[in-house]
Amino acid sequence: MVNQERHFVGRVCLLREGEFGQNWIPSIVLGVSDPTTGSGDAEYTSFDDVTGEGNGFFNRYYLAMTKHVSTSVGMLGFHAGFQLNKRTDYPINGPCGGVSWQPIWLLQKGLLDDLNLILEYDSRTIYLGLIASFWKNQFEAMFELQNFRWVNFGLRYKLRLK
């Protein structure tokens, strides 16, 4: 078995959007995705040695910033960052960015808690997708096209630690 159905993400918000009463300030986040991994033989590696091939496809460390702007057509989000990893089979070292759009008028009907349409670039690939939140914002349905050819979709349960 090479890839397993699991994914770990951790992030720390260093600065919140609009902090100190200044609307121009973006949010800044430092994060990690799949910091450790296992090989096809279930041998796990350390944080410092996530190299080579096998599981850990989403392994990366990143620094990102985001700014949202309210418009007449909904909320627009602009995202930029830098990410790195030590993978030899899927290196994604470099800049990344994206644009998100939350069409407010669709949410006013009350069928969904949140809806975001997303276009992003991960320093290698372009993604086009949507994320819809429902049932008191506890579940998310996700659909995306990777490089406009490969379909990814899923359902997540959000557990928030307070």
N, C-alpha and C. Protein backbone atom coordinates (compact mmCIF):
# COMPACT_ATOMS: atom_id res chain seq x y z
N MET A 1 0.85 -1.17 0.00
CA MET A 1 0.00 0.00 0.00
C MET A 1 0.90 1.24 0.00
N VAL A 2 0.64 2.15 -0.91
CA VAL A 2 1.46 3.35 -1.00
C VAL A 2 0.76 4.54 -0.37
N ASN A 3 -0.43 4.87 -0.81
CA ASN A 3 -1.17 6.00 -0.23
C ASN A 3 -2.30 5.48 0.64
N GLN A 4 -2.46 6.08 1.81
CA GLN A 4 -3.50 5.69 2.74
C GLN A 4 -4.49 6.84 2.87
N GLU A 5 -5.69 6.52 3.30
CA GLU A 5 -6.73 7.53 3.47
C GLU A 5 -6.58 8.20 4.83
N ARG A 6 -5.66 9.12 4.92
CA ARG A 6 -5.49 9.94 6.12
C ARG A 6 -4.73 11.19 5.72
N HIS A 7 -4.95 12.24 6.51
CA HIS A 7 -4.30 13.50 6.20
C HIS A 7 -4.25 14.32 7.49
N PHE A 8 -3.10 14.83 7.85
CA PHE A 8 -2.94 15.64 9.05
C PHE A 8 -2.49 17.03 8.66
N VAL A 9 -3.14 18.04 9.21
CA VAL A 9 -2.81 19.44 8.94
C VAL A 9 -2.73 20.19 10.26
N GLY A 10 -1.70 20.99 10.41
CA GLY A 10 -1.58 21.87 11.56
C GLY A 10 -1.21 23.25 11.10
N ARG A 11 -1.75 24.27 11.75
CA ARG A 11 -1.43 25.63 11.34
C ARG A 11 -1.55 26.57 12.53
N VAL A 12 -0.77 27.64 12.46
CA VAL A 12 -0.78 28.67 13.49
C VAL A 12 -1.00 30.00 12.80
N CYS A 13 -1.99 30.74 13.26
CA CYS A 13 -2.27 32.06 12.70
C CYS A 13 -1.38 33.07 13.40
N LEU A 14 -0.40 33.60 12.68
CA LEU A 14 0.53 34.56 13.25
C LEU A 14 -0.07 35.97 13.32
N LEU A 15 -0.96 36.28 12.39
CA LEU A 15 -1.58 37.60 12.34
C LEU A 15 -2.96 37.44 11.72
N ARG A 16 -3.96 38.00 12.37
CA ARG A 16 -5.33 37.92 11.83
C ARG A 16 -5.60 39.07 10.87
N GLU A 17 -6.45 38.78 9.92
CA GLU A 17 -6.83 39.80 8.93
C GLU A 17 -7.51 40.97 9.64
N GLY A 18 -7.05 42.18 9.34
CA GLY A 18 -7.61 43.38 9.95
C GLY A 18 -7.17 43.61 11.39
N GLU A 19 -6.12 42.92 11.82
CA GLU A 19 -5.61 43.05 13.19
C GLU A 19 -5.26 44.51 13.51
N PHE A 20 -5.35 44.87 14.75
CA PHE A 20 -5.03 46.21 15.24
C PHE A 20 -5.92 47.29 14.64
N GLY A 21 -7.11 46.90 14.16
CA GLY A 21 -8.04 47.87 13.59
C GLY A 21 -7.64 48.39 12.22
N GLN A 22 -6.67 47.75 11.59
CA GLN A 22 -6.20 48.17 10.27
C GLN A 22 -6.76 47.21 9.22
N ASN A 23 -7.70 47.68 8.41
CA ASN A 23 -8.36 46.83 7.42
C ASN A 23 -7.43 46.29 6.35
N TRP A 24 -6.32 46.94 6.08
CA TRP A 24 -5.42 46.52 5.00
C TRP A 24 -4.54 45.33 5.40
N ILE A 25 -4.47 44.99 6.68
CA ILE A 25 -3.58 43.92 7.15
C ILE A 25 -4.15 42.55 6.74
N PRO A 26 -3.36 41.72 6.03
CA PRO A 26 -3.82 40.36 5.68
C PRO A 26 -3.58 39.40 6.85
N SER A 27 -4.20 38.25 6.79
CA SER A 27 -3.86 37.21 7.77
C SER A 27 -2.59 36.51 7.30
N ILE A 28 -1.79 36.08 8.25
CA ILE A 28 -0.56 35.35 7.95
C ILE A 28 -0.57 34.05 8.75
N VAL A 29 -0.36 32.93 8.05
CA VAL A 29 -0.45 31.61 8.65
C VAL A 29 0.82 30.82 8.35
N LEU A 30 1.32 30.11 9.36
CA LEU A 30 2.43 29.18 9.22
C LEU A 30 1.84 27.79 9.42
N GLY A 31 2.10 26.88 8.47
CA GLY A 31 1.44 25.59 8.56
C GLY A 31 2.26 24.42 8.08
N VAL A 32 1.73 23.23 8.34
CA VAL A 32 2.34 21.98 7.92
C VAL A 32 1.23 21.03 7.49
N SER A 33 1.50 20.26 6.46
CA SER A 33 0.57 19.26 5.96
C SER A 33 1.32 17.94 5.84
N ASP A 34 0.81 16.89 6.47
CA ASP A 34 1.48 15.57 6.49
C ASP A 34 2.96 15.69 6.84
N PRO A 35 3.30 16.08 8.08
CA PRO A 35 4.71 16.27 8.44
C PRO A 35 5.51 14.99 8.50
N THR A 36 4.87 13.87 8.76
CA THR A 36 5.57 12.57 8.75
C THR A 36 4.89 11.69 7.73
N THR A 37 5.53 10.62 7.40
CA THR A 37 4.98 9.74 6.38
C THR A 37 5.42 8.31 6.62
N GLY A 38 4.80 7.40 5.92
CA GLY A 38 5.21 6.01 5.97
C GLY A 38 5.53 5.53 4.57
N SER A 39 6.43 4.60 4.47
CA SER A 39 6.74 4.03 3.16
C SER A 39 5.71 2.97 2.83
N GLY A 40 5.85 2.35 1.71
CA GLY A 40 4.95 1.26 1.34
C GLY A 40 5.08 0.06 2.26
N ASP A 41 6.18 -0.02 3.02
CA ASP A 41 6.39 -1.12 3.95
C ASP A 41 5.97 -0.76 5.37
N ALA A 42 5.25 0.35 5.53
CA ALA A 42 4.76 0.83 6.83
C ALA A 42 5.90 1.21 7.77
N GLU A 43 7.04 1.61 7.24
CA GLU A 43 8.13 2.13 8.06
C GLU A 43 7.99 3.64 8.09
N TYR A 44 7.82 4.19 9.29
CA TYR A 44 7.57 5.62 9.40
C TYR A 44 8.87 6.38 9.55
N THR A 45 8.90 7.55 8.95
CA THR A 45 10.08 8.39 8.99
C THR A 45 9.85 9.55 9.94
N SER A 46 10.89 10.28 10.22
CA SER A 46 10.80 11.40 11.15
C SER A 46 10.40 12.67 10.40
N PHE A 47 10.23 13.75 11.16
CA PHE A 47 9.90 15.05 10.56
C PHE A 47 11.00 15.51 9.60
N ASP A 48 12.24 15.18 9.91
CA ASP A 48 13.37 15.67 9.13
C ASP A 48 13.68 14.82 7.90
N ASP A 49 13.04 13.66 7.77
CA ASP A 49 13.41 12.74 6.70
C ASP A 49 12.20 12.32 5.88
N VAL A 50 11.37 13.26 5.48
CA VAL A 50 10.23 12.95 4.62
C VAL A 50 10.69 13.15 3.18
N THR A 51 11.43 12.19 2.69
CA THR A 51 11.98 12.27 1.35
C THR A 51 11.58 11.03 0.57
N GLY A 52 11.92 11.01 -0.68
CA GLY A 52 11.72 9.82 -1.49
C GLY A 52 10.30 9.67 -1.98
N GLU A 53 9.84 8.44 -2.04
CA GLU A 53 8.53 8.12 -2.58
C GLU A 53 7.70 7.41 -1.53
N GLY A 54 6.45 7.12 -1.86
CA GLY A 54 5.57 6.43 -0.93
C GLY A 54 4.50 7.36 -0.41
N ASN A 55 4.02 7.06 0.77
CA ASN A 55 2.96 7.87 1.36
C ASN A 55 3.51 9.26 1.68
N GLY A 56 2.66 10.16 2.07
CA GLY A 56 3.11 11.52 2.36
C GLY A 56 3.03 12.42 1.16
N PHE A 57 2.12 12.12 0.25
CA PHE A 57 1.98 12.86 -0.99
C PHE A 57 1.72 14.34 -0.75
N PHE A 58 1.02 14.67 0.34
CA PHE A 58 0.67 16.06 0.61
C PHE A 58 1.66 16.74 1.53
N ASN A 59 2.80 16.12 1.81
CA ASN A 59 3.80 16.68 2.72
C ASN A 59 4.29 18.04 2.25
N ARG A 60 4.18 19.04 3.14
CA ARG A 60 4.70 20.38 2.85
C ARG A 60 4.66 21.24 4.10
N TYR A 61 5.52 22.22 4.10
CA TYR A 61 5.52 23.28 5.10
C TYR A 61 5.24 24.57 4.34
N TYR A 62 4.48 25.49 4.94
CA TYR A 62 4.11 26.67 4.17
C TYR A 62 3.94 27.90 5.05
N LEU A 63 4.09 29.04 4.42
CA LEU A 63 3.80 30.34 4.99
C LEU A 63 2.88 31.02 3.98
N ALA A 64 1.70 31.45 4.44
CA ALA A 64 0.72 32.01 3.51
C ALA A 64 0.06 33.25 4.09
N MET A 65 -0.42 34.10 3.18
CA MET A 65 -1.20 35.25 3.62
C MET A 65 -2.46 35.36 2.77
N THR A 66 -3.51 35.89 3.41
CA THR A 66 -4.82 35.98 2.78
C THR A 66 -5.45 37.33 3.07
N LYS A 67 -6.13 37.87 2.07
CA LYS A 67 -6.89 39.11 2.24
C LYS A 67 -8.23 38.94 1.55
N HIS A 68 -9.32 39.28 2.25
CA HIS A 68 -10.66 39.20 1.69
C HIS A 68 -11.22 40.60 1.45
N VAL A 69 -12.01 40.72 0.38
CA VAL A 69 -12.61 41.99 -0.01
C VAL A 69 -14.09 41.74 -0.29
N SER A 70 -14.95 42.51 0.34
CA SER A 70 -16.39 42.40 0.11
C SER A 70 -16.75 43.22 -1.14
N THR A 71 -17.48 42.58 -2.07
CA THR A 71 -17.91 43.25 -3.30
C THR A 71 -19.42 43.05 -3.49
N SER A 72 -19.97 43.64 -4.50
CA SER A 72 -21.40 43.49 -4.78
C SER A 72 -21.75 42.08 -5.27
N VAL A 73 -20.77 41.31 -5.74
CA VAL A 73 -21.03 39.96 -6.22
C VAL A 73 -20.65 38.90 -5.20
N GLY A 74 -20.21 39.31 -4.02
CA GLY A 74 -19.85 38.36 -2.98
C GLY A 74 -18.48 38.69 -2.40
N MET A 75 -17.99 37.79 -1.61
CA MET A 75 -16.69 37.97 -0.95
C MET A 75 -15.59 37.37 -1.81
N LEU A 76 -14.57 38.16 -2.14
CA LEU A 76 -13.41 37.69 -2.90
C LEU A 76 -12.24 37.52 -1.95
N GLY A 77 -11.50 36.43 -2.09
CA GLY A 77 -10.32 36.19 -1.29
C GLY A 77 -9.10 36.06 -2.18
N PHE A 78 -8.01 36.68 -1.76
CA PHE A 78 -6.75 36.61 -2.50
C PHE A 78 -5.72 35.96 -1.58
N HIS A 79 -5.01 34.96 -2.09
CA HIS A 79 -4.12 34.15 -1.27
C HIS A 79 -2.76 34.02 -1.95
N ALA A 80 -1.70 34.16 -1.17
CA ALA A 80 -0.34 34.00 -1.71
C ALA A 80 0.52 33.37 -0.64
N GLY A 81 1.47 32.56 -1.07
CA GLY A 81 2.33 31.91 -0.09
C GLY A 81 3.56 31.30 -0.72
N PHE A 82 4.32 30.64 0.15
CA PHE A 82 5.50 29.89 -0.27
C PHE A 82 5.48 28.57 0.47
N GLN A 83 5.76 27.48 -0.23
CA GLN A 83 5.75 26.16 0.38
C GLN A 83 6.99 25.38 -0.01
N LEU A 84 7.33 24.41 0.84
CA LEU A 84 8.47 23.56 0.52
C LEU A 84 8.29 22.18 1.14
N ASN A 85 8.98 21.23 0.55
CA ASN A 85 9.04 19.87 1.08
C ASN A 85 10.33 19.22 0.58
N LYS A 86 10.58 18.00 1.04
CA LYS A 86 11.78 17.27 0.64
C LYS A 86 11.46 16.09 -0.26
N ARG A 87 10.28 16.08 -0.84
CA ARG A 87 9.86 14.95 -1.67
C ARG A 87 10.65 14.91 -2.97
N THR A 88 11.04 13.73 -3.40
CA THR A 88 11.68 13.58 -4.70
C THR A 88 10.67 13.20 -5.77
N ASP A 89 9.55 12.58 -5.34
CA ASP A 89 8.55 12.15 -6.32
C ASP A 89 7.51 13.22 -6.61
N TYR A 90 7.35 14.21 -5.75
CA TYR A 90 6.38 15.28 -5.99
C TYR A 90 6.85 16.56 -5.30
N PRO A 91 7.92 17.16 -5.81
CA PRO A 91 8.40 18.40 -5.19
C PRO A 91 7.48 19.57 -5.53
N ILE A 92 7.08 20.29 -4.50
CA ILE A 92 6.22 21.45 -4.70
C ILE A 92 6.84 22.65 -4.00
N ASN A 93 8.11 22.85 -4.22
CA ASN A 93 8.82 23.96 -3.61
C ASN A 93 8.64 25.21 -4.45
N GLY A 94 8.17 26.27 -3.84
CA GLY A 94 8.02 27.52 -4.57
C GLY A 94 6.77 28.26 -4.19
N PRO A 95 6.46 29.30 -4.95
CA PRO A 95 5.29 30.12 -4.65
C PRO A 95 3.98 29.39 -4.97
N CYS A 96 2.95 29.78 -4.26
CA CYS A 96 1.62 29.25 -4.50
C CYS A 96 0.63 30.40 -4.31
N GLY A 97 -0.56 30.24 -4.84
CA GLY A 97 -1.54 31.30 -4.68
C GLY A 97 -2.89 30.90 -5.19
N GLY A 98 -3.85 31.76 -4.97
CA GLY A 98 -5.19 31.45 -5.43
C GLY A 98 -6.15 32.59 -5.23
N VAL A 99 -7.34 32.37 -5.76
CA VAL A 99 -8.45 33.31 -5.63
C VAL A 99 -9.67 32.49 -5.22
N SER A 100 -10.43 33.00 -4.27
CA SER A 100 -11.67 32.34 -3.88
C SER A 100 -12.82 33.33 -3.98
N TRP A 101 -14.01 32.78 -4.20
CA TRP A 101 -15.21 33.61 -4.34
C TRP A 101 -16.33 32.96 -3.57
N GLN A 102 -16.95 33.73 -2.70
CA GLN A 102 -18.09 33.27 -1.93
C GLN A 102 -19.33 34.04 -2.40
N PRO A 103 -20.16 33.43 -3.26
CA PRO A 103 -21.34 34.12 -3.77
C PRO A 103 -22.41 34.23 -2.68
N ILE A 104 -22.51 35.39 -2.07
CA ILE A 104 -23.36 35.61 -0.92
C ILE A 104 -24.83 35.32 -1.21
N TRP A 105 -25.32 35.70 -2.40
CA TRP A 105 -26.74 35.56 -2.68
C TRP A 105 -27.18 34.09 -2.69
N LEU A 106 -26.29 33.15 -2.98
CA LEU A 106 -26.65 31.73 -2.92
C LEU A 106 -26.83 31.26 -1.48
N LEU A 107 -26.09 31.85 -0.56
CA LEU A 107 -26.17 31.45 0.84
C LEU A 107 -27.42 32.01 1.52
N GLN A 108 -27.98 33.07 1.00
CA GLN A 108 -29.14 33.70 1.60
C GLN A 108 -30.38 32.82 1.52
N LYS A 109 -30.39 31.84 0.66
CA LYS A 109 -31.52 30.92 0.55
C LYS A 109 -31.54 29.91 1.70
N GLY A 110 -30.42 29.76 2.43
CA GLY A 110 -30.39 28.91 3.61
C GLY A 110 -30.11 27.44 3.37
N LEU A 111 -29.81 27.05 2.13
CA LEU A 111 -29.55 25.64 1.86
C LEU A 111 -28.15 25.22 2.31
N LEU A 112 -27.20 26.15 2.27
CA LEU A 112 -25.82 25.87 2.65
C LEU A 112 -25.36 26.87 3.70
N ASP A 113 -24.43 26.46 4.55
CA ASP A 113 -23.83 27.37 5.52
C ASP A 113 -22.74 28.22 4.88
N ASP A 114 -22.03 27.63 3.93
CA ASP A 114 -20.93 28.33 3.27
C ASP A 114 -20.68 27.68 1.91
N LEU A 115 -20.26 28.47 0.95
CA LEU A 115 -19.91 27.97 -0.38
C LEU A 115 -18.76 28.80 -0.90
N ASN A 116 -17.68 28.16 -1.28
CA ASN A 116 -16.51 28.84 -1.84
C ASN A 116 -16.15 28.20 -3.17
N LEU A 117 -15.99 29.02 -4.19
CA LEU A 117 -15.45 28.59 -5.48
C LEU A 117 -13.99 29.00 -5.48
N ILE A 118 -13.10 28.10 -5.90
CA ILE A 118 -11.67 28.31 -5.71
C ILE A 118 -10.90 28.02 -6.99
N LEU A 119 -9.93 28.88 -7.28
CA LEU A 119 -8.95 28.66 -8.33
C LEU A 119 -7.59 28.83 -7.67
N GLU A 120 -6.73 27.80 -7.73
CA GLU A 120 -5.44 27.88 -7.03
C GLU A 120 -4.32 27.22 -7.81
N TYR A 121 -3.11 27.59 -7.44
CA TYR A 121 -1.88 27.08 -8.05
C TYR A 121 -0.95 26.68 -6.91
N ASP A 122 -0.43 25.44 -6.95
CA ASP A 122 0.41 24.95 -5.85
C ASP A 122 1.90 24.88 -6.21
N SER A 123 2.36 25.67 -7.12
CA SER A 123 3.71 25.74 -7.67
C SER A 123 3.99 24.65 -8.71
N ARG A 124 3.00 23.81 -8.98
CA ARG A 124 3.10 22.80 -10.02
C ARG A 124 1.82 22.63 -10.82
N THR A 125 0.70 22.72 -10.14
CA THR A 125 -0.58 22.32 -10.71
C THR A 125 -1.64 23.39 -10.47
N ILE A 126 -2.61 23.50 -11.39
CA ILE A 126 -3.75 24.40 -11.23
C ILE A 126 -4.96 23.58 -10.80
N TYR A 127 -5.69 24.11 -9.83
CA TYR A 127 -6.90 23.46 -9.32
C TYR A 127 -8.08 24.40 -9.47
N LEU A 128 -9.23 23.85 -9.83
CA LEU A 128 -10.48 24.58 -9.90
C LEU A 128 -11.49 23.76 -9.11
N GLY A 129 -12.15 24.37 -8.13
CA GLY A 129 -13.05 23.57 -7.33
C GLY A 129 -14.03 24.37 -6.51
N LEU A 130 -14.77 23.63 -5.68
CA LEU A 130 -15.72 24.26 -4.77
C LEU A 130 -15.75 23.48 -3.47
N ILE A 131 -16.06 24.21 -2.41
CA ILE A 131 -16.22 23.62 -1.08
C ILE A 131 -17.54 24.15 -0.53
N ALA A 132 -18.43 23.25 -0.14
CA ALA A 132 -19.73 23.62 0.42
C ALA A 132 -19.82 23.09 1.84
N SER A 133 -20.17 23.96 2.78
CA SER A 133 -20.35 23.57 4.18
C SER A 133 -21.84 23.49 4.49
N PHE A 134 -22.23 22.50 5.30
CA PHE A 134 -23.63 22.34 5.65
C PHE A 134 -23.75 21.68 7.02
N TRP A 135 -24.96 21.54 7.48
CA TRP A 135 -25.35 20.99 8.77
C TRP A 135 -24.59 21.66 9.91
N LYS A 136 -24.92 22.92 10.14
CA LYS A 136 -24.33 23.76 11.18
C LYS A 136 -22.82 23.90 11.00
N ASN A 137 -22.38 23.92 9.74
CA ASN A 137 -20.98 24.10 9.38
C ASN A 137 -20.07 22.99 9.93
N GLN A 138 -20.64 21.79 10.13
CA GLN A 138 -19.84 20.67 10.64
C GLN A 138 -19.34 19.75 9.53
N PHE A 139 -19.97 19.78 8.38
CA PHE A 139 -19.56 18.93 7.27
C PHE A 139 -19.19 19.79 6.07
N GLU A 140 -18.25 19.31 5.28
CA GLU A 140 -17.86 19.97 4.03
C GLU A 140 -17.84 18.96 2.91
N ALA A 141 -18.42 19.34 1.80
CA ALA A 141 -18.31 18.55 0.58
C ALA A 141 -17.36 19.30 -0.34
N MET A 142 -16.43 18.58 -0.94
CA MET A 142 -15.40 19.19 -1.76
C MET A 142 -15.38 18.51 -3.12
N PHE A 143 -15.21 19.33 -4.17
CA PHE A 143 -15.07 18.82 -5.53
C PHE A 143 -14.05 19.71 -6.23
N GLU A 144 -13.09 19.09 -6.93
CA GLU A 144 -12.13 19.89 -7.67
C GLU A 144 -11.62 19.16 -8.90
N LEU A 145 -11.16 19.95 -9.85
CA LEU A 145 -10.50 19.44 -11.04
C LEU A 145 -9.02 19.84 -10.95
N GLN A 146 -8.16 18.84 -10.98
CA GLN A 146 -6.73 19.09 -10.95
C GLN A 146 -6.24 19.16 -12.38
N ASN A 147 -5.61 20.30 -12.74
CA ASN A 147 -5.16 20.55 -14.11
C ASN A 147 -6.28 20.39 -15.13
N PHE A 148 -7.52 20.59 -14.68
CA PHE A 148 -8.71 20.49 -15.52
C PHE A 148 -8.86 19.10 -16.16
N ARG A 149 -8.23 18.07 -15.56
CA ARG A 149 -8.32 16.71 -16.09
C ARG A 149 -8.73 15.69 -15.05
N TRP A 150 -8.17 15.77 -13.84
CA TRP A 150 -8.40 14.75 -12.83
C TRP A 150 -9.38 15.25 -11.79
N VAL A 151 -10.33 14.40 -11.44
CA VAL A 151 -11.39 14.76 -10.51
C VAL A 151 -11.02 14.29 -9.10
N ASN A 152 -11.14 15.20 -8.14
CA ASN A 152 -11.00 14.89 -6.72
C ASN A 152 -12.30 15.30 -6.04
N PHE A 153 -12.77 14.48 -5.12
CA PHE A 153 -13.96 14.86 -4.37
C PHE A 153 -13.92 14.17 -3.02
N GLY A 154 -14.67 14.71 -2.09
CA GLY A 154 -14.69 14.10 -0.77
C GLY A 154 -15.68 14.78 0.15
N LEU A 155 -15.82 14.19 1.33
CA LEU A 155 -16.67 14.69 2.38
C LEU A 155 -15.86 14.71 3.66
N ARG A 156 -15.89 15.83 4.40
CA ARG A 156 -15.12 15.96 5.63
C ARG A 156 -16.02 16.30 6.79
N TYR A 157 -15.64 15.82 7.95
CA TYR A 157 -16.24 16.25 9.22
C TYR A 157 -15.25 17.17 9.88
N LYS A 158 -15.69 18.37 10.27
CA LYS A 158 -14.79 19.35 10.87
C LYS A 158 -14.89 19.27 12.40
N LEU A 159 -13.77 19.02 13.01
CA LEU A 159 -13.66 18.98 14.46
C LEU A 159 -12.79 20.15 14.88
N ARG A 160 -13.37 21.08 15.59
CA ARG A 160 -12.65 22.27 16.01
C ARG A 160 -12.34 22.20 17.49
N LEU A 161 -11.09 22.31 17.82
CA LEU A 161 -10.66 22.36 19.21
C LEU A 161 -10.67 23.81 19.66
N LYS A 162 -11.29 24.07 20.78
CA LYS A 162 -11.36 25.47 21.25
C LYS A 162 -10.49 25.67 22.46
